[in-house]
Amino acid sequence: MSTRPSSEPVRAWIALGANLGDPWATFPAALRILATWSAQPLAVSSIWRTSPVDCPPGSPDFYNAVTMLTPLENETPESLLAKLQDLERRFGRIHGLVRNAPRALDLDLIAFGQEQRFSANLILPHPRAHLRRFVLQPLSELAPDLVLPGQRLSVRELLQRLPPEPLMRNLGPLLSNPASKSR
């Protein structure tokens, strides 16, 4: 377990993704539930339209965002992960059939404070977050100077080292009116 000053709350960083359904409806619905698991108001990035990465051929584009929550007392990375997986199932996600299959909601626990885990069920920080523009770009809106556990570079610096993506478009604030967005 890591130690931290008692005045500094733990922050959990969660990536949201979807390439089925309507993320303009799904993400806010998921965020309302996530907010009930947070001791403080959520911070939420813009929504980004991105190319599918490591997905089956013909997969539709993704919509991605990141949120930060302050875990409730006695929450652990493992208990939060279980809640995230349950929430994905509530939105129709079925794990394990086809790797990276299209889905209406994908929730990845990117980091939980400075905690590090390496178990069959949980690797923290997320093992590929530092390599994924679709995670780092929205995360950089919220915490450009964040250094993920095990990294030496900040989110901003990691992002600068990544090659450009074929499709990486900021569609604006997630909680804004989607009718004004060209999808």
Protein backbone atom coordinates (compact mmCIF):
# COMPACT_ATOMS: atom_id res chain seq x y z
CA MET A 1 0.00 0.00 0.00
CA SER A 2 1.19 3.51 -0.71
CA THR A 3 1.21 6.30 1.83
CA ARG A 4 0.04 9.85 1.16
CA PRO A 5 -0.62 12.98 3.14
CA SER A 6 -4.04 12.75 4.79
CA SER A 7 -5.07 16.08 3.27
CA GLU A 8 -4.52 14.85 -0.28
CA PRO A 9 -7.43 12.74 -1.55
CA VAL A 10 -6.83 9.75 -3.78
CA ARG A 11 -7.87 10.25 -7.37
CA ALA A 12 -9.07 7.45 -9.62
CA TRP A 13 -8.81 7.96 -13.37
CA ILE A 14 -11.28 6.10 -15.56
CA ALA A 15 -11.33 5.96 -19.35
CA LEU A 16 -14.73 5.71 -21.03
CA GLY A 17 -15.08 4.27 -24.50
CA ALA A 18 -17.89 3.19 -26.82
CA ASN A 19 -18.33 2.34 -30.46
CA LEU A 20 -21.91 1.06 -30.38
CA GLY A 21 -25.09 2.92 -29.51
CA ASP A 22 -25.15 6.59 -28.61
CA PRO A 23 -22.23 7.67 -26.41
CA TRP A 24 -23.84 11.12 -26.03
CA ALA A 25 -26.53 9.32 -23.99
CA THR A 26 -24.51 6.40 -22.60
CA PHE A 27 -21.60 8.39 -21.17
CA PRO A 28 -23.74 10.87 -19.18
CA ALA A 29 -25.84 7.98 -17.83
CA ALA A 30 -22.69 6.15 -16.73
CA LEU A 31 -21.24 9.35 -15.26
CA ARG A 32 -24.36 9.86 -13.12
CA ILE A 33 -23.69 6.46 -11.55
CA LEU A 34 -19.95 7.08 -11.22
CA ALA A 35 -20.73 10.35 -9.42
CA THR A 36 -22.47 8.38 -6.67
CA TRP A 37 -19.19 6.52 -6.09
CA SER A 38 -17.18 9.73 -5.66
CA ALA A 39 -16.61 11.73 -2.49
CA GLN A 40 -16.21 14.89 -4.61
CA PRO A 41 -17.66 16.06 -7.94
CA LEU A 42 -16.32 14.26 -11.01
CA ALA A 43 -13.97 15.95 -13.44
CA VAL A 44 -14.84 15.03 -17.03
CA SER A 45 -12.88 15.55 -20.25
CA SER A 46 -14.22 16.38 -23.67
CA ILE A 47 -15.47 13.56 -25.85
CA TRP A 48 -13.13 12.46 -28.62
CA ARG A 49 -13.85 10.53 -31.80
CA THR A 50 -11.01 8.12 -32.47
CA SER A 51 -9.96 5.27 -34.73
CA PRO A 52 -10.47 1.77 -33.32
CA VAL A 53 -7.22 0.31 -31.95
CA ASP A 54 -6.55 -3.45 -31.83
CA CYS A 55 -10.19 -4.17 -32.74
CA PRO A 56 -11.70 -6.67 -35.18
CA PRO A 57 -11.69 -5.56 -38.84
CA GLY A 58 -14.56 -3.25 -39.74
CA SER A 59 -15.07 -2.01 -36.16
CA PRO A 60 -16.75 1.40 -36.02
CA ASP A 61 -14.96 4.49 -34.73
CA PHE A 62 -14.77 4.97 -30.98
CA TYR A 63 -15.85 7.80 -28.76
CA ASN A 64 -13.56 8.29 -25.76
CA ALA A 65 -13.42 10.41 -22.64
CA VAL A 66 -11.78 10.33 -19.21
CA THR A 67 -13.22 11.06 -15.80
CA MET A 68 -11.62 11.54 -12.43
CA LEU A 69 -13.39 10.49 -9.26
CA THR A 70 -12.44 10.64 -5.61
CA PRO A 71 -13.06 7.14 -4.26
CA LEU A 72 -15.29 6.78 -1.23
CA GLU A 73 -13.78 5.73 2.09
CA ASN A 74 -12.71 2.07 2.14
CA GLU A 75 -12.85 1.80 -1.67
CA THR A 76 -9.99 -0.23 -3.11
CA PRO A 77 -8.81 -0.55 -6.68
CA GLU A 78 -10.25 -4.06 -6.73
CA SER A 79 -13.67 -3.02 -5.42
CA LEU A 80 -13.84 -0.10 -7.87
CA LEU A 81 -12.88 -2.37 -10.77
CA ALA A 82 -15.66 -4.80 -9.81
CA LYS A 83 -18.17 -1.92 -9.81
CA LEU A 84 -16.92 -0.71 -13.21
CA GLN A 85 -17.27 -4.18 -14.71
CA ASP A 86 -20.77 -4.50 -13.28
CA LEU A 87 -21.68 -1.12 -14.78
CA GLU A 88 -20.37 -2.24 -18.18
CA ARG A 89 -22.59 -5.34 -17.97
CA ARG A 90 -25.59 -3.15 -17.09
CA PHE A 91 -24.96 -1.34 -20.38
CA GLY A 92 -24.81 -4.62 -22.31
CA ARG A 93 -21.10 -5.44 -22.35
CA ILE A 94 -20.25 -9.13 -22.56
CA HIS A 95 -16.61 -9.87 -21.73
CA GLY A 96 -14.58 -12.59 -23.34
CA LEU A 97 -16.38 -13.49 -26.57
CA VAL A 98 -14.23 -11.54 -29.06
CA ARG A 99 -11.22 -9.52 -27.91
CA ASN A 100 -11.90 -5.77 -28.25
CA ALA A 101 -15.28 -6.38 -29.85
CA PRO A 102 -17.52 -3.34 -30.45
CA ARG A 103 -19.31 -2.26 -27.27
CA ALA A 104 -21.74 0.29 -25.91
CA LEU A 105 -19.60 1.01 -22.84
CA ASP A 106 -16.00 0.26 -21.92
CA LEU A 107 -14.67 1.48 -18.56
CA ASP A 108 -10.95 1.11 -17.87
CA LEU A 109 -9.42 1.90 -14.51
CA ILE A 110 -6.32 3.81 -15.59
CA ALA A 111 -4.94 4.68 -12.16
CA PHE A 112 -6.00 4.72 -8.53
CA GLY A 113 -3.76 7.22 -6.76
CA GLN A 114 -0.23 5.84 -6.74
CA GLU A 115 -1.38 2.26 -6.23
CA GLN A 116 0.29 -0.44 -8.28
CA ARG A 117 -1.17 -3.89 -8.83
CA PHE A 118 -0.17 -6.88 -10.90
CA SER A 119 -2.68 -9.69 -10.53
CA ALA A 120 -4.77 -11.86 -12.83
CA ASN A 121 -7.72 -9.47 -12.36
CA LEU A 122 -6.07 -6.07 -12.17
CA ILE A 123 -2.96 -4.35 -13.45
CA LEU A 124 -2.42 -0.79 -12.21
CA PRO A 125 -1.71 1.56 -13.69
CA HIS A 126 -3.43 0.32 -16.83
CA PRO A 127 -0.63 -1.46 -18.71
CA ARG A 128 -1.19 0.31 -22.05
CA ALA A 129 -2.52 3.72 -20.98
CA HIS A 130 0.84 5.41 -21.50
CA LEU A 131 0.86 4.16 -25.11
CA ARG A 132 -2.68 5.15 -26.10
CA ARG A 133 -3.44 8.59 -27.49
CA PHE A 134 -7.18 7.95 -27.04
CA VAL A 135 -6.53 7.74 -23.28
CA LEU A 136 -3.78 10.33 -22.88
CA GLN A 137 -5.43 13.07 -24.98
CA PRO A 138 -8.59 13.36 -22.84
CA LEU A 139 -6.56 12.69 -19.66
CA SER A 140 -4.28 15.60 -20.56
CA GLU A 141 -7.29 17.95 -20.44
CA LEU A 142 -7.76 17.07 -16.76
CA ALA A 143 -4.24 16.35 -15.53
CA PRO A 144 -1.45 17.19 -18.01
CA ASP A 145 1.18 17.09 -15.26
CA LEU A 146 0.03 13.76 -13.79
CA VAL A 147 2.76 11.14 -13.64
CA LEU A 148 1.20 7.69 -13.72
CA PRO A 149 2.65 5.21 -11.23
CA GLY A 150 5.77 3.58 -12.65
CA GLN A 151 6.28 6.33 -15.25
CA ARG A 152 8.87 9.11 -15.20
CA LEU A 153 7.13 11.35 -17.73
CA SER A 154 3.94 13.36 -17.27
CA VAL A 155 0.81 12.71 -19.31
CA ARG A 156 1.68 15.76 -21.45
CA GLU A 157 5.20 14.43 -22.11
CA LEU A 158 3.96 10.92 -22.89
CA LEU A 159 1.42 12.37 -25.32
CA GLN A 160 4.10 14.39 -27.13
CA ARG A 161 6.08 11.19 -27.78
CA LEU A 162 3.21 9.33 -29.45
CA PRO A 163 2.74 9.30 -33.23
CA PRO A 164 -0.38 11.03 -34.56
CA GLU A 165 -3.55 8.97 -34.93
CA PRO A 166 -5.45 8.80 -38.25
CA LEU A 167 -8.60 10.00 -36.49
CA MET A 168 -8.43 11.95 -33.24
CA ARG A 169 -11.07 14.67 -33.15
CA ASN A 170 -12.24 16.63 -30.13
CA LEU A 171 -16.04 16.87 -30.29
CA GLY A 172 -16.26 19.25 -27.35
CA PRO A 173 -17.57 19.01 -23.80
CA LEU A 174 -19.14 15.65 -23.07
CA LEU A 175 -21.98 17.14 -21.10
CA SER A 176 -22.94 19.65 -23.80
CA ASN A 177 -25.79 19.40 -26.29
CA PRO A 178 -24.94 16.67 -28.83
CA ALA A 179 -27.38 18.11 -31.38
CA SER A 180 -24.83 20.83 -32.08
CA LYS A 181 -22.05 18.33 -32.80
CA SER A 182 -21.28 16.89 -36.18
CA ARG A 183 -20.63 13.24 -35.61
